[in-house]
Amino acid sequence: MRKEHFYFVAGLPDIGFEEGKLPLAPGDFLREAGTQLDAGDMGLLRLFVLPGEIGDLIGVLFGEEREPREGALVGRETWQAYVASLKSELEPAKVPPPEPYDSLPPFIAELAADCLASEEKRPRLWWEQRFTRAFYDYALGHPNGFIREWFAFDRDMRNVLAALAGRRAGAAYAEHLVGTGEEVDKLRSSQAADFGLGKQVPLVETLARIMDQADAVERERALDALRWKWIDGRNFFEYFTIDRIAGYYAQLRILDRWARLDPDAGRAVFFEALSALEASFRFPEDFSLKPRRRGHDETGRELR
């Protein structure tokens, strides 16, 4: 039986694109969640932050000097100590994770140790791609349904956007796509306008229409509006579960991004972008907010 977090969810402030003020910073949300949720659920929430932390770890592996990243959970010195432990240990699995992580996915220590031990000097991008693919493999195999579906959707968006941008720029993009299977193969090689996917993957048409917008900032806002809408649709019947909490956190991170870019007007314009998106683009049924029976395919066809 799934746990219900009635008290915690009921106490969360309402959020929406139209909000004039960010009611709760993502960092504050995580701290409050840490007083209400168990270690397993907190580990689930920290997966949203993990890609940025992996980027910081790669920076340490390559000896880069960087300014502290806003919103980072693990500082540079802590990652340096983690890397030093990997150098001294024969088995990466025995290296304790950096605080505040109770544990890390095994691929992180394994790939970091491989990087340290590698005699062949490969560029940073090569290692970034290895970590990225390993992260999505891990997330798509996660026992929590929201995590699996969210990161599948996120990966699919990134694949389609890379293919669209690469094609328009006449640049090689195939090696940057994540995943395997017929759909990804078509993104890599098809010359058709819709990559030969047609109605098989409605996300392609939706993202192509968004990318037709001339203003780069408006494109980014429209993409985040699409992400927000996906979360609302996916969690329509989730009320007090960890899926509801994870979706709330993901949306809070979207709002925080725009609040930091433009505290006064960012959210208002963002909400306008959502309205324009719904009026101008045909959203596939996957992103409908209409009530539907549990068990209906809410995520659409995944790119694998």
Protein backbone atom coordinates (compact mmCIF):
# COMPACT_ATOMS: atom_id res chain seq x y z
CA MET A 1 0.00 0.00 0.00
CA ARG A 2 1.35 3.42 -0.96
CA LYS A 3 2.12 5.89 1.79
CA GLU A 4 -0.05 9.00 2.03
CA HIS A 5 1.53 12.23 3.25
CA PHE A 6 -1.61 14.09 4.25
CA TYR A 7 -0.10 16.59 6.68
CA PHE A 8 2.88 17.56 4.52
CA VAL A 9 0.96 17.98 1.25
CA ALA A 10 -1.91 19.85 2.91
CA GLY A 11 0.57 22.37 4.32
CA LEU A 12 2.23 23.19 1.00
CA PRO A 13 1.36 26.59 -0.50
CA ASP A 14 -0.43 26.57 -3.84
CA ILE A 15 1.77 27.32 -6.84
CA GLY A 16 0.99 28.23 -10.42
CA PHE A 17 2.35 30.21 -13.32
CA GLU A 18 0.23 33.16 -12.35
CA GLU A 19 1.79 33.48 -8.89
CA GLY A 20 3.29 36.93 -8.34
CA LYS A 21 5.79 35.64 -5.79
CA LEU A 22 7.62 32.37 -5.35
CA PRO A 23 6.10 31.08 -2.08
CA LEU A 24 8.84 28.59 -1.26
CA ALA A 25 12.41 28.24 -2.50
CA PRO A 26 13.37 24.71 -3.65
CA GLY A 27 16.09 24.55 -1.00
CA ASP A 28 13.63 25.45 1.74
CA PHE A 29 11.24 22.84 0.39
CA LEU A 30 13.90 20.13 0.61
CA ARG A 31 14.77 21.13 4.17
CA GLU A 32 11.11 21.00 5.21
CA ALA A 33 10.65 17.70 3.37
CA GLY A 34 13.58 16.30 5.34
CA THR A 35 11.57 16.74 8.54
CA GLN A 36 8.51 14.96 7.12
CA LEU A 37 9.73 12.21 4.77
CA ASP A 38 11.83 9.12 5.27
CA ALA A 39 15.27 8.57 3.75
CA GLY A 40 13.92 6.69 0.74
CA ASP A 41 11.56 9.47 -0.26
CA MET A 42 14.24 12.12 0.27
CA GLY A 43 16.59 10.14 -1.95
CA LEU A 44 13.90 10.22 -4.62
CA LEU A 45 13.61 14.03 -4.42
CA ARG A 46 17.37 14.49 -4.59
CA LEU A 47 17.40 12.75 -7.97
CA PHE A 48 16.11 16.03 -9.45
CA VAL A 49 19.26 17.76 -8.21
CA LEU A 50 21.66 14.95 -9.06
CA PRO A 51 22.45 15.89 -12.72
CA GLY A 52 23.80 19.25 -11.56
CA GLU A 53 25.81 17.56 -8.81
CA ILE A 54 27.26 15.15 -11.37
CA GLY A 55 28.38 18.15 -13.42
CA ASP A 56 30.16 19.51 -10.35
CA LEU A 57 31.82 16.13 -9.78
CA ILE A 58 33.06 16.02 -13.38
CA GLY A 59 34.48 19.51 -12.90
CA VAL A 60 36.48 18.23 -9.91
CA LEU A 61 37.64 15.17 -11.87
CA PHE A 62 39.01 17.50 -14.56
CA GLY A 63 40.54 19.93 -12.07
CA GLU A 64 38.33 22.84 -13.05
CA GLU A 65 38.06 25.92 -10.86
CA ARG A 66 34.44 27.07 -10.71
CA GLU A 67 32.31 29.49 -8.79
CA PRO A 68 29.93 27.75 -6.36
CA ARG A 69 26.78 26.72 -8.24
CA GLU A 70 23.55 28.20 -6.91
CA GLY A 71 21.32 25.49 -5.46
CA ALA A 72 24.11 22.92 -5.14
CA LEU A 73 23.70 20.43 -2.30
CA VAL A 74 27.34 19.29 -2.31
CA GLY A 75 30.17 21.83 -2.20
CA ARG A 76 33.37 21.64 -4.22
CA GLU A 77 35.53 20.72 -1.21
CA THR A 78 33.21 17.82 -0.37
CA TRP A 79 33.41 16.51 -3.95
CA GLN A 80 37.20 16.86 -3.80
CA ALA A 81 37.24 14.73 -0.65
CA TYR A 82 34.99 12.19 -2.38
CA VAL A 83 37.37 11.98 -5.35
CA ALA A 84 40.35 11.64 -3.00
CA SER A 85 38.60 8.69 -1.35
CA LEU A 86 38.06 7.08 -4.75
CA LYS A 87 41.78 7.37 -5.44
CA SER A 88 42.65 5.59 -2.21
CA GLU A 89 40.05 2.81 -2.35
CA LEU A 90 40.25 -0.38 -4.39
CA GLU A 91 36.47 -0.75 -4.50
CA PRO A 92 34.44 2.36 -5.41
CA ALA A 93 31.34 0.85 -3.78
CA LYS A 94 33.01 1.25 -0.36
CA VAL A 95 33.47 5.02 -0.70
CA PRO A 96 30.88 6.79 1.46
CA PRO A 97 28.61 9.24 -0.37
CA PRO A 98 29.03 12.98 0.23
CA GLU A 99 26.58 14.68 2.53
CA PRO A 100 23.62 15.26 2.30
CA TYR A 101 23.23 12.05 0.28
CA ASP A 102 22.55 8.90 2.25
CA SER A 103 23.54 6.95 -0.84
CA LEU A 104 24.39 7.55 -4.48
CA PRO A 105 23.53 5.45 -7.52
CA PRO A 106 26.40 2.96 -7.99
CA PHE A 107 27.26 4.25 -11.48
CA ILE A 108 28.60 7.53 -10.06
CA ALA A 109 31.45 5.99 -8.10
CA GLU A 110 32.11 3.43 -10.85
CA LEU A 111 32.39 6.01 -13.64
CA ALA A 112 34.35 8.45 -11.50
CA ALA A 113 36.83 5.69 -10.64
CA ASP A 114 37.07 4.73 -14.32
CA CYS A 115 37.82 8.34 -15.20
CA LEU A 116 40.56 8.55 -12.58
CA ALA A 117 42.13 5.25 -13.66
CA SER A 118 41.84 5.82 -17.41
CA GLU A 119 45.17 5.98 -19.21
CA GLU A 120 43.53 7.33 -22.36
CA LYS A 121 42.88 11.05 -22.07
CA ARG A 122 39.33 11.60 -23.26
CA PRO A 123 37.62 15.00 -23.44
CA ARG A 124 35.21 16.20 -20.79
CA LEU A 125 32.26 15.92 -23.20
CA TRP A 126 32.92 12.20 -23.65
CA TRP A 127 32.66 11.65 -19.91
CA GLU A 128 29.61 13.90 -19.63
CA GLN A 129 27.85 11.71 -22.17
CA ARG A 130 28.75 8.54 -20.27
CA PHE A 131 27.43 9.96 -17.00
CA THR A 132 24.29 11.28 -18.71
CA ARG A 133 23.45 7.94 -20.30
CA ALA A 134 24.10 6.13 -17.02
CA PHE A 135 21.88 8.58 -15.14
CA TYR A 136 18.92 8.07 -17.48
CA ASP A 137 19.39 4.29 -17.41
CA TYR A 138 19.24 4.48 -13.62
CA ALA A 139 16.24 6.84 -13.49
CA LEU A 140 14.25 4.84 -16.05
CA GLY A 141 14.76 1.72 -13.95
CA HIS A 142 13.69 3.41 -10.71
CA PRO A 143 10.94 1.67 -8.72
CA ASN A 144 8.93 4.89 -8.40
CA GLY A 145 6.55 5.43 -11.31
CA PHE A 146 6.69 9.22 -11.36
CA ILE A 147 10.50 9.20 -11.49
CA ARG A 148 10.54 6.68 -14.36
CA GLU A 149 7.96 8.57 -16.39
CA TRP A 150 9.28 12.07 -15.69
CA PHE A 151 12.84 11.28 -16.68
CA ALA A 152 11.64 9.31 -19.72
CA PHE A 153 9.69 12.40 -20.77
CA ASP A 154 12.67 14.65 -20.00
CA ARG A 155 15.03 12.43 -22.00
CA ASP A 156 12.62 12.26 -24.92
CA MET A 157 12.27 16.05 -24.97
CA ARG A 158 16.02 16.49 -24.97
CA ASN A 159 16.48 13.94 -27.75
CA VAL A 160 13.88 15.56 -30.00
CA LEU A 161 15.19 19.06 -29.29
CA ALA A 162 18.75 17.97 -30.07
CA ALA A 163 17.59 16.43 -33.33
CA LEU A 164 15.57 19.50 -34.33
CA ALA A 165 18.34 21.94 -33.43
CA GLY A 166 21.04 19.80 -35.04
CA ARG A 167 19.10 19.46 -38.27
CA ARG A 168 18.38 23.18 -38.50
CA ALA A 169 22.00 24.10 -37.81
CA GLY A 170 23.36 21.43 -40.13
CA ALA A 171 25.39 20.05 -37.23
CA ALA A 172 26.11 16.47 -36.20
CA TYR A 173 23.86 15.52 -33.30
CA ALA A 174 23.41 11.74 -33.45
CA GLU A 175 26.03 10.98 -30.80
CA HIS A 176 24.28 13.26 -28.32
CA LEU A 177 21.01 11.32 -28.34
CA VAL A 178 20.34 9.13 -25.32
CA GLY A 179 18.72 5.71 -25.52
CA THR A 180 18.24 2.97 -28.08
CA GLY A 181 15.42 1.60 -30.20
CA GLU A 182 13.51 2.33 -33.38
CA GLU A 183 12.41 5.83 -32.46
CA VAL A 184 15.89 7.01 -31.47
CA ASP A 185 17.33 5.40 -34.62
CA LYS A 186 14.87 7.43 -36.70
CA LEU A 187 15.85 10.64 -34.92
CA ARG A 188 19.45 9.85 -35.77
CA SER A 189 19.02 9.01 -39.44
CA SER A 190 15.61 9.96 -40.93
CA GLN A 191 15.46 12.82 -43.43
CA ALA A 192 11.67 13.18 -43.13
CA ALA A 193 10.28 16.41 -41.66
CA ASP A 194 8.89 14.49 -38.69
CA PHE A 195 11.82 12.04 -38.60
CA GLY A 196 9.47 9.36 -39.88
CA LEU A 197 7.71 9.23 -36.52
CA GLY A 198 4.45 10.93 -37.53
CA LYS A 199 1.69 10.34 -34.99
CA GLN A 200 3.76 7.56 -33.44
CA VAL A 201 5.44 10.13 -31.15
CA PRO A 202 3.21 13.26 -30.87
CA LEU A 203 5.91 15.01 -28.85
CA VAL A 204 7.89 15.57 -32.08
CA GLU A 205 5.18 17.74 -33.66
CA THR A 206 4.59 19.68 -30.44
CA LEU A 207 8.28 20.48 -29.96
CA ALA A 208 8.73 21.37 -33.63
CA ARG A 209 6.00 24.00 -33.29
CA ILE A 210 7.59 25.41 -30.17
CA MET A 211 10.98 25.61 -31.89
CA ASP A 212 9.39 27.60 -34.73
CA GLN A 213 9.08 30.56 -32.37
CA ALA A 214 11.65 33.21 -33.22
CA ASP A 215 12.37 34.43 -29.69
CA ALA A 216 14.75 32.14 -27.80
CA VAL A 217 13.47 33.18 -24.37
CA GLU A 218 9.88 32.52 -25.36
CA ARG A 219 10.89 29.09 -26.65
CA GLU A 220 12.41 28.27 -23.28
CA ARG A 221 9.31 29.45 -21.47
CA ALA A 222 7.10 27.41 -23.75
CA LEU A 223 9.22 24.31 -23.09
CA ASP A 224 8.92 24.80 -19.33
CA ALA A 225 5.17 25.35 -19.75
CA LEU A 226 5.00 21.99 -21.51
CA ARG A 227 6.91 20.36 -18.66
CA TRP A 228 4.51 21.92 -16.15
CA LYS A 229 1.50 20.70 -18.08
CA TRP A 230 2.90 17.18 -18.27
CA ILE A 231 3.29 17.09 -14.47
CA ASP A 232 -0.26 18.34 -13.92
CA GLY A 233 -1.63 15.73 -16.30
CA ARG A 234 0.41 12.88 -14.90
CA ASN A 235 -0.47 13.66 -11.26
CA PHE A 236 -4.12 14.51 -11.80
CA PHE A 237 -5.23 11.61 -9.61
CA GLU A 238 -2.31 11.80 -7.18
CA TYR A 239 -3.34 13.63 -4.02
CA PHE A 240 -1.09 12.93 -1.03
CA THR A 241 1.46 10.49 -2.46
CA ILE A 242 5.19 10.90 -2.98
CA ASP A 243 4.40 11.31 -6.69
CA ARG A 244 2.42 14.48 -5.86
CA ILE A 245 5.32 15.74 -3.74
CA ALA A 246 7.89 14.96 -6.44
CA GLY A 247 5.79 16.74 -9.06
CA TYR A 248 5.37 19.75 -6.77
CA TYR A 249 9.13 19.93 -6.30
CA ALA A 250 9.76 19.70 -10.04
CA GLN A 251 7.30 22.55 -10.66
CA LEU A 252 8.80 24.58 -7.84
CA ARG A 253 12.18 24.28 -9.56
CA ILE A 254 10.64 25.58 -12.81
CA LEU A 255 9.15 28.61 -11.04
CA ASP A 256 12.40 29.28 -9.20
CA ARG A 257 14.33 29.31 -12.46
CA TRP A 258 12.17 32.08 -13.90
CA ALA A 259 11.92 33.96 -10.63
CA ARG A 260 15.71 34.22 -10.51
CA LEU A 261 15.88 35.35 -14.14
CA ASP A 262 13.21 38.04 -13.73
CA PRO A 263 11.72 38.38 -10.24
CA ASP A 264 9.10 40.95 -11.22
CA ALA A 265 7.76 39.92 -14.61
CA GLY A 266 9.10 36.44 -15.26
CA ARG A 267 6.18 34.46 -13.87
CA ALA A 268 3.54 36.69 -15.47
CA VAL A 269 5.07 36.31 -18.92
CA PHE A 270 5.57 32.60 -18.27
CA PHE A 271 1.86 32.21 -17.57
CA GLU A 272 1.06 34.12 -20.76
CA ALA A 273 3.32 31.71 -22.62
CA LEU A 274 1.31 28.78 -21.27
CA SER A 275 -1.95 30.36 -22.44
CA ALA A 276 -0.52 31.10 -25.88
CA LEU A 277 0.86 27.57 -26.08
CA GLU A 278 -2.53 26.00 -25.45
CA ALA A 279 -4.24 28.39 -27.89
CA SER A 280 -1.72 28.03 -30.70
CA PHE A 281 -0.52 24.44 -30.54
CA ARG A 282 -2.38 21.18 -30.74
CA PHE A 283 -1.40 19.30 -27.61
CA PRO A 284 -1.54 15.54 -28.00
CA GLU A 285 -3.95 13.74 -25.68
CA ASP A 286 -0.97 12.73 -23.54
CA PHE A 287 -0.85 16.26 -22.12
CA SER A 288 -4.58 16.73 -21.54
CA LEU A 289 -5.65 17.85 -18.09
CA LYS A 290 -9.08 16.30 -18.46
CA PRO A 291 -9.91 13.62 -15.89
CA ARG A 292 -9.15 10.11 -17.03
CA ARG A 293 -9.40 6.68 -15.57
CA ARG A 294 -6.45 5.24 -13.75
CA GLY A 295 -4.65 2.78 -15.94
CA HIS A 296 -5.00 4.91 -19.09
CA ASP A 297 -1.68 5.46 -20.85
CA GLU A 298 -0.80 8.90 -19.47
CA THR A 299 2.76 9.14 -20.71
CA GLY A 300 2.41 8.34 -24.39
CA ARG A 301 4.93 6.43 -26.43
CA GLU A 302 8.42 6.61 -24.98
CA LEU A 303 11.58 6.94 -27.02
CA ARG A 304 13.75 4.07 -25.93
